[in-house]
Structure formats: structure tokens, C-alpha cells
Amino acid sequence: MSAQYEVYIDEAGERRWRLRADNGEIIAVSEGYTSLTGALNGIDAVREVAPDAPVEDLTGPTGGG
């Protein structure tokens, strides 16, 4: 299986997306959206806006454990 985005409806009736890794593990989950279009726009934003975004460590000087 290759990595994939999945859109689903949560317990509150909102649409969310999750990114599932090649091994099947869920590695990202979105906020809730009121429409499918909103959820798909969220996926597009991650794909297009931040493909090379840096990682900022906010855990403090000790690395947070």
C-alpha cells in the first residue's frame, strides 16, 4: 500500500482527512470541516503550500523527552 489521504466523517458529523503512511499507520489528522470541499481544500493546502516546510522544535532546550 502506498501513502494515501482518507476523508471520513467523525463522531460529531464533521468531515476530516487523515494521512495514512505506506505501512498503514495514521501519521496526520485534520481539523473538522463542514463540507467535503473544505476537507479536500485542506488536503490541497498541505500538498501545495507546505511541501518543504521546516520543522521547528518547540519542546524547549532539553528536547522535551
PDB file of N, CA and C in Angstrom:
ATOM      1  N   MET A   1       0.847  -1.182   0.000  1.00  0.00           N
ATOM      2  CA  MET A   1       0.000   0.000   0.000  1.00  0.00           C
ATOM      3  C   MET A   1       0.892   1.243   0.000  1.00  0.00           C
ATOM      4  N   SER A   2       0.545   2.221  -0.814  1.00  0.00           N
ATOM      5  CA  SER A   2       1.278   3.476  -0.775  1.00  0.00           C
ATOM      6  C   SER A   2       0.517   4.469   0.106  1.00  0.00           C
ATOM      7  N   ALA A   3       1.200   5.520   0.521  1.00  0.00           N
ATOM      8  CA  ALA A   3       0.570   6.520   1.382  1.00  0.00           C
ATOM      9  C   ALA A   3      -0.679   7.065   0.703  1.00  0.00           C
ATOM     10  N   GLN A   4      -1.689   7.380   1.514  1.00  0.00           N
ATOM     11  CA  GLN A   4      -2.915   7.919   0.941  1.00  0.00           C
ATOM     12  C   GLN A   4      -3.633   8.812   1.934  1.00  0.00           C
ATOM     13  N   TYR A   5      -4.409   9.754   1.401  1.00  0.00           N
ATOM     14  CA  TYR A   5      -5.308  10.576   2.197  1.00  0.00           C
ATOM     15  C   TYR A   5      -6.658   9.875   2.234  1.00  0.00           C
ATOM     16  N   GLU A   6      -7.307   9.896   3.391  1.00  0.00           N
ATOM     17  CA  GLU A   6      -8.640   9.331   3.548  1.00  0.00           C
ATOM     18  C   GLU A   6      -9.551  10.408   4.122  1.00  0.00           C
ATOM     19  N   VAL A   7     -10.713  10.608   3.517  1.00  0.00           N
ATOM     20  CA  VAL A   7     -11.708  11.539   4.050  1.00  0.00           C
ATOM     21  C   VAL A   7     -12.792  10.703   4.717  1.00  0.00           C
ATOM     22  N   TYR A   8     -13.171  11.101   5.929  1.00  0.00           N
ATOM     23  CA  TYR A   8     -14.178  10.351   6.675  1.00  0.00           C
ATOM     24  C   TYR A   8     -15.023  11.317   7.498  1.00  0.00           C
ATOM     25  N   ILE A   9     -16.117  10.822   8.050  1.00  0.00           N
ATOM     26  CA  ILE A   9     -16.994  11.618   8.905  1.00  0.00           C
ATOM     27  C   ILE A   9     -16.753  11.197  10.354  1.00  0.00           C
ATOM     28  N   ASP A  10     -16.466  12.183  11.205  1.00  0.00           N
ATOM     29  CA  ASP A  10     -16.169  11.889  12.612  1.00  0.00           C
ATOM     30  C   ASP A  10     -17.452  11.757  13.437  1.00  0.00           C
ATOM     31  N   GLU A  11     -17.303  11.537  14.738  1.00  0.00           N
ATOM     32  CA  GLU A  11     -18.454  11.330  15.627  1.00  0.00           C
ATOM     33  C   GLU A  11     -19.357  12.552  15.734  1.00  0.00           C
ATOM     34  N   ALA A  12     -18.813  13.737  15.464  1.00  0.00           N
ATOM     35  CA  ALA A  12     -19.600  14.974  15.525  1.00  0.00           C
ATOM     36  C   ALA A  12     -20.285  15.280  14.196  1.00  0.00           C
ATOM     37  N   GLY A  13     -20.094  14.420  13.193  1.00  0.00           N
ATOM     38  CA  GLY A  13     -20.704  14.620  11.885  1.00  0.00           C
ATOM     39  C   GLY A  13     -19.907  15.516  10.964  1.00  0.00           C
ATOM     40  N   GLU A  14     -18.674  15.853  11.358  1.00  0.00           N
ATOM     41  CA  GLU A  14     -17.815  16.681  10.511  1.00  0.00           C
ATOM     42  C   GLU A  14     -16.914  15.799   9.655  1.00  0.00           C
ATOM     43  N   ARG A  15     -16.522  16.340   8.527  1.00  0.00           N
ATOM     44  CA  ARG A  15     -15.593  15.630   7.657  1.00  0.00           C
ATOM     45  C   ARG A  15     -14.168  15.967   8.064  1.00  0.00           C
ATOM     46  N   ARG A  16     -13.332  14.969   8.091  1.00  0.00           N
ATOM     47  CA  ARG A  16     -11.912  15.119   8.399  1.00  0.00           C
ATOM     48  C   ARG A  16     -11.125  14.317   7.382  1.00  0.00           C
ATOM     49  N   TRP A  17      -9.840  14.652   7.257  1.00  0.00           N
ATOM     50  CA  TRP A  17      -8.963  13.801   6.463  1.00  0.00           C
ATOM     51  C   TRP A  17      -7.849  13.298   7.353  1.00  0.00           C
ATOM     52  N   ARG A  18      -7.327  12.160   6.983  1.00  0.00           N
ATOM     53  CA  ARG A  18      -6.146  11.627   7.665  1.00  0.00           C
ATOM     54  C   ARG A  18      -5.196  11.147   6.579  1.00  0.00           C
ATOM     55  N   LEU A  19      -3.923  11.194   6.903  1.00  0.00           N
ATOM     56  CA  LEU A  19      -2.882  10.709   6.001  1.00  0.00           C
ATOM     57  C   LEU A  19      -2.358   9.408   6.571  1.00  0.00           C
ATOM     58  N   ARG A  20      -2.471   8.371   5.772  1.00  0.00           N
ATOM     59  CA  ARG A  20      -2.035   7.041   6.189  1.00  0.00           C
ATOM     60  C   ARG A  20      -0.734   6.723   5.451  1.00  0.00           C
ATOM     61  N   ALA A  21       0.297   6.322   6.206  1.00  0.00           N
ATOM     62  CA  ALA A  21       1.620   6.003   5.655  1.00  0.00           C
ATOM     63  C   ALA A  21       1.588   4.679   4.894  1.00  0.00           C
ATOM     64  N   ASP A  22       2.666   4.401   4.205  1.00  0.00           N
ATOM     65  CA  ASP A  22       2.802   3.159   3.437  1.00  0.00           C
ATOM     66  C   ASP A  22       2.518   1.918   4.279  1.00  0.00           C
ATOM     67  N   ASN A  23       2.886   1.961   5.552  1.00  0.00           N
ATOM     68  CA  ASN A  23       2.701   0.789   6.423  1.00  0.00           C
ATOM     69  C   ASN A  23       1.318   0.738   7.063  1.00  0.00           C
ATOM     70  N   GLY A  24       0.432   1.677   6.698  1.00  0.00           N
ATOM     71  CA  GLY A  24      -0.925   1.697   7.226  1.00  0.00           C
ATOM     72  C   GLY A  24      -1.113   2.554   8.459  1.00  0.00           C
ATOM     73  N   GLU A  25      -0.025   3.071   9.031  1.00  0.00           N
ATOM     74  CA  GLU A  25      -0.104   3.898  10.228  1.00  0.00           C
ATOM     75  C   GLU A  25      -0.639   5.284   9.877  1.00  0.00           C
ATOM     76  N   ILE A  26      -1.532   5.808  10.712  1.00  0.00           N
ATOM     77  CA  ILE A  26      -2.037   7.164  10.537  1.00  0.00           C
ATOM     78  C   ILE A  26      -0.983   8.135  11.042  1.00  0.00           C
ATOM     79  N   ILE A  27      -0.553   9.055  10.166  1.00  0.00           N
ATOM     80  CA  ILE A  27       0.523   9.980  10.547  1.00  0.00           C
ATOM     81  C   ILE A  27       0.066  11.434  10.633  1.00  0.00           C
ATOM     82  N   ALA A  28      -1.148  11.734  10.186  1.00  0.00           N
ATOM     83  CA  ALA A  28      -1.683  13.091  10.317  1.00  0.00           C
ATOM     84  C   ALA A  28      -3.200  13.022  10.275  1.00  0.00           C
ATOM     85  N   VAL A  29      -3.845  13.910  11.059  1.00  0.00           N
ATOM     86  CA  VAL A  29      -5.301  14.015  11.082  1.00  0.00           C
ATOM     87  C   VAL A  29      -5.653  15.494  11.051  1.00  0.00           C
ATOM     88  N   SER A  30      -6.663  15.837  10.279  1.00  0.00           N
ATOM     89  CA  SER A  30      -7.047  17.236  10.121  1.00  0.00           C
ATOM     90  C   SER A  30      -8.013  17.700  11.194  1.00  0.00           C
ATOM     91  N   GLU A  31      -8.319  18.973  11.133  1.00  0.00           N
ATOM     92  CA  GLU A  31      -9.421  19.546  11.886  1.00  0.00           C
ATOM     93  C   GLU A  31     -10.729  19.087  11.239  1.00  0.00           C
ATOM     94  N   GLY A  32     -11.858  19.393  11.858  1.00  0.00           N
ATOM     95  CA  GLY A  32     -13.148  19.049  11.286  1.00  0.00           C
ATOM     96  C   GLY A  32     -13.596  20.099  10.277  1.00  0.00           C
ATOM     97  N   TYR A  33     -14.240  19.660   9.220  1.00  0.00           N
ATOM     98  CA  TYR A  33     -14.778  20.537   8.180  1.00  0.00           C
ATOM     99  C   TYR A  33     -16.267  20.267   8.036  1.00  0.00           C
ATOM    100  N   THR A  34     -17.026  21.294   7.660  1.00  0.00           N
ATOM    101  CA  THR A  34     -18.463  21.126   7.484  1.00  0.00           C
ATOM    102  C   THR A  34     -18.834  20.574   6.118  1.00  0.00           C
ATOM    103  N   SER A  35     -17.881  20.561   5.189  1.00  0.00           N
ATOM    104  CA  SER A  35     -18.185  20.078   3.835  1.00  0.00           C
ATOM    105  C   SER A  35     -17.032  19.246   3.298  1.00  0.00           C
ATOM    106  N   LEU A  36     -17.357  18.431   2.309  1.00  0.00           N
ATOM    107  CA  LEU A  36     -16.326  17.659   1.623  1.00  0.00           C
ATOM    108  C   LEU A  36     -15.354  18.597   0.924  1.00  0.00           C
ATOM    109  N   THR A  37     -15.864  19.657   0.330  1.00  0.00           N
ATOM    110  CA  THR A  37     -14.999  20.629  -0.349  1.00  0.00           C
ATOM    111  C   THR A  37     -13.976  21.209   0.619  1.00  0.00           C
ATOM    112  N   GLY A  38     -14.395  21.537   1.826  1.00  0.00           N
ATOM    113  CA  GLY A  38     -13.469  22.059   2.827  1.00  0.00           C
ATOM    114  C   GLY A  38     -12.372  21.068   3.152  1.00  0.00           C
ATOM    115  N   ALA A  39     -12.743  19.801   3.331  1.00  0.00           N
ATOM    116  CA  ALA A  39     -11.745  18.775   3.635  1.00  0.00           C
ATOM    117  C   ALA A  39     -10.766  18.605   2.475  1.00  0.00           C
ATOM    118  N   LEU A  40     -11.275  18.594   1.248  1.00  0.00           N
ATOM    119  CA  LEU A  40     -10.404  18.446   0.081  1.00  0.00           C
ATOM    120  C   LEU A  40      -9.490  19.657  -0.078  1.00  0.00           C
ATOM    121  N   ASN A  41     -10.008  20.853   0.247  1.00  0.00           N
ATOM    122  CA  ASN A  41      -9.162  22.049   0.210  1.00  0.00           C
ATOM    123  C   ASN A  41      -8.054  21.964   1.255  1.00  0.00           C
ATOM    124  N   GLY A  42      -8.351  21.378   2.407  1.00  0.00           N
ATOM    125  CA  GLY A  42      -7.328  21.177   3.431  1.00  0.00           C
ATOM    126  C   GLY A  42      -6.222  20.257   2.948  1.00  0.00           C
ATOM    127  N   ILE A  43      -6.592  19.187   2.267  1.00  0.00           N
ATOM    128  CA  ILE A  43      -5.594  18.278   1.695  1.00  0.00           C
ATOM    129  C   ILE A  43      -4.738  19.018   0.671  1.00  0.00           C
ATOM    130  N   ASP A  44      -5.398  19.761  -0.208  1.00  0.00           N
ATOM    131  CA  ASP A  44      -4.660  20.519  -1.223  1.00  0.00           C
ATOM    132  C   ASP A  44      -3.693  21.512  -0.599  1.00  0.00           C
ATOM    133  N   ALA A  45      -4.117  22.152   0.495  1.00  0.00           N
ATOM    134  CA  ALA A  45      -3.251  23.125   1.165  1.00  0.00           C
ATOM    135  C   ALA A  45      -1.986  22.457   1.675  1.00  0.00           C
ATOM    136  N   VAL A  46      -2.123  21.287   2.276  1.00  0.00           N
ATOM    137  CA  VAL A  46      -0.946  20.574   2.774  1.00  0.00           C
ATOM    138  C   VAL A  46      -0.042  20.166   1.612  1.00  0.00           C
ATOM    139  N   ARG A  47      -0.638  19.662   0.554  1.00  0.00           N
ATOM    140  CA  ARG A  47       0.138  19.226  -0.610  1.00  0.00           C
ATOM    141  C   ARG A  47       0.884  20.372  -1.280  1.00  0.00           C
ATOM    142  N   GLU A  48       0.215  21.530  -1.428  1.00  0.00           N
ATOM    143  CA  GLU A  48       0.761  22.620  -2.230  1.00  0.00           C
ATOM    144  C   GLU A  48       1.520  23.672  -1.435  1.00  0.00           C
ATOM    145  N   VAL A  49       1.023  24.003  -0.259  1.00  0.00           N
ATOM    146  CA  VAL A  49       1.562  25.149   0.469  1.00  0.00           C
ATOM    147  C   VAL A  49       2.798  24.802   1.283  1.00  0.00           C
ATOM    148  N   ALA A  50       2.896  23.588   1.785  1.00  0.00           N
ATOM    149  CA  ALA A  50       3.977  23.292   2.717  1.00  0.00           C
ATOM    150  C   ALA A  50       4.781  22.034   2.388  1.00  0.00           C
ATOM    151  N   PRO A  51       5.082  21.787   1.114  1.00  0.00           N
ATOM    152  CA  PRO A  51       5.821  20.553   0.828  1.00  0.00           C
ATOM    153  C   PRO A  51       7.244  20.547   1.389  1.00  0.00           C
ATOM    154  N   ASP A  52       7.829  21.734   1.578  1.00  0.00           N
ATOM    155  CA  ASP A  52       9.196  21.822   2.079  1.00  0.00           C
ATOM    156  C   ASP A  52       9.282  22.612   3.381  1.00  0.00           C
ATOM    157  N   ALA A  53       8.186  22.651   4.130  1.00  0.00           N
ATOM    158  CA  ALA A  53       8.166  23.431   5.368  1.00  0.00           C
ATOM    159  C   ALA A  53       9.187  22.879   6.360  1.00  0.00           C
ATOM    160  N   PRO A  54       9.934  23.782   7.023  1.00  0.00           N
ATOM    161  CA  PRO A  54      10.895  23.324   8.019  1.00  0.00           C
ATOM    162  C   PRO A  54      10.186  22.839   9.282  1.00  0.00           C
ATOM    163  N   VAL A  55      10.895  22.112  10.097  1.00  0.00           N
ATOM    164  CA  VAL A  55      10.383  21.650  11.388  1.00  0.00           C
ATOM    165  C   VAL A  55      10.976  22.549  12.459  1.00  0.00           C
ATOM    166  N   GLU A  56      10.124  23.108  13.319  1.00  0.00           N
ATOM    167  CA  GLU A  56      10.584  23.927  14.428  1.00  0.00           C
ATOM    168  C   GLU A  56      10.328  23.169  15.721  1.00  0.00           C
ATOM    169  N   ASP A  57      11.375  22.947  16.495  1.00  0.00           N
ATOM    170  CA  ASP A  57      11.261  22.232  17.765  1.00  0.00           C
ATOM    171  C   ASP A  57      10.851  23.205  18.848  1.00  0.00           C
ATOM    172  N   LEU A  58       9.644  23.063  19.362  1.00  0.00           N
ATOM    173  CA  LEU A  58       9.122  23.950  20.410  1.00  0.00           C
ATOM    174  C   LEU A  58       9.119  23.275  21.766  1.00  0.00           C
ATOM    175  N   THR A  59       9.845  22.180  21.894  1.00  0.00           N
ATOM    176  CA  THR A  59       9.815  21.427  23.135  1.00  0.00           C
ATOM    177  C   THR A  59      10.763  21.963  24.194  1.00  0.00           C
ATOM    178  N   GLY A  60      11.563  22.943  23.867  1.00  0.00           N
ATOM    179  CA  GLY A  60      12.454  23.521  24.850  1.00  0.00           C
ATOM    180  C   GLY A  60      13.895  23.062  24.687  1.00  0.00           C
ATOM    181  N   PRO A  61      14.776  23.579  25.530  1.00  0.00           N
ATOM    182  CA  PRO A  61      16.206  23.310  25.371  1.00  0.00           C
ATOM    183  C   PRO A  61      16.599  21.853  25.631  1.00  0.00           C
ATOM    184  N   THR A  62      15.774  21.090  26.343  1.00  0.00           N
ATOM    185  CA  THR A  62      16.151  19.707  26.627  1.00  0.00           C
ATOM    186  C   THR A  62      15.565  18.720  25.630  1.00  0.00           C
ATOM    187  N   GLY A  63      14.747  19.211  24.702  1.00  0.00           N
ATOM    188  CA  GLY A  63      14.155  18.320  23.715  1.00  0.00           C
ATOM    189  C   GLY A  63      12.843  17.726  24.166  1.00  0.00           C
ATOM    190  N   GLY A  64      12.429  17.995  25.372  1.00  0.00           N
ATOM    191  CA  GLY A  64      11.114  17.592  25.833  1.00  0.00           C
ATOM    192  C   GLY A  64      10.935  16.116  26.123  1.00  0.00           C
ATOM    193  N   GLY A  65      11.971  15.319  25.967  1.00  0.00           N
ATOM    194  CA  GLY A  65      11.922  13.953  26.408  1.00  0.00           C
ATOM    195  C   GLY A  65      11.340  13.000  25.497  1.00  0.00           C
TER     196      GLY A  65
END
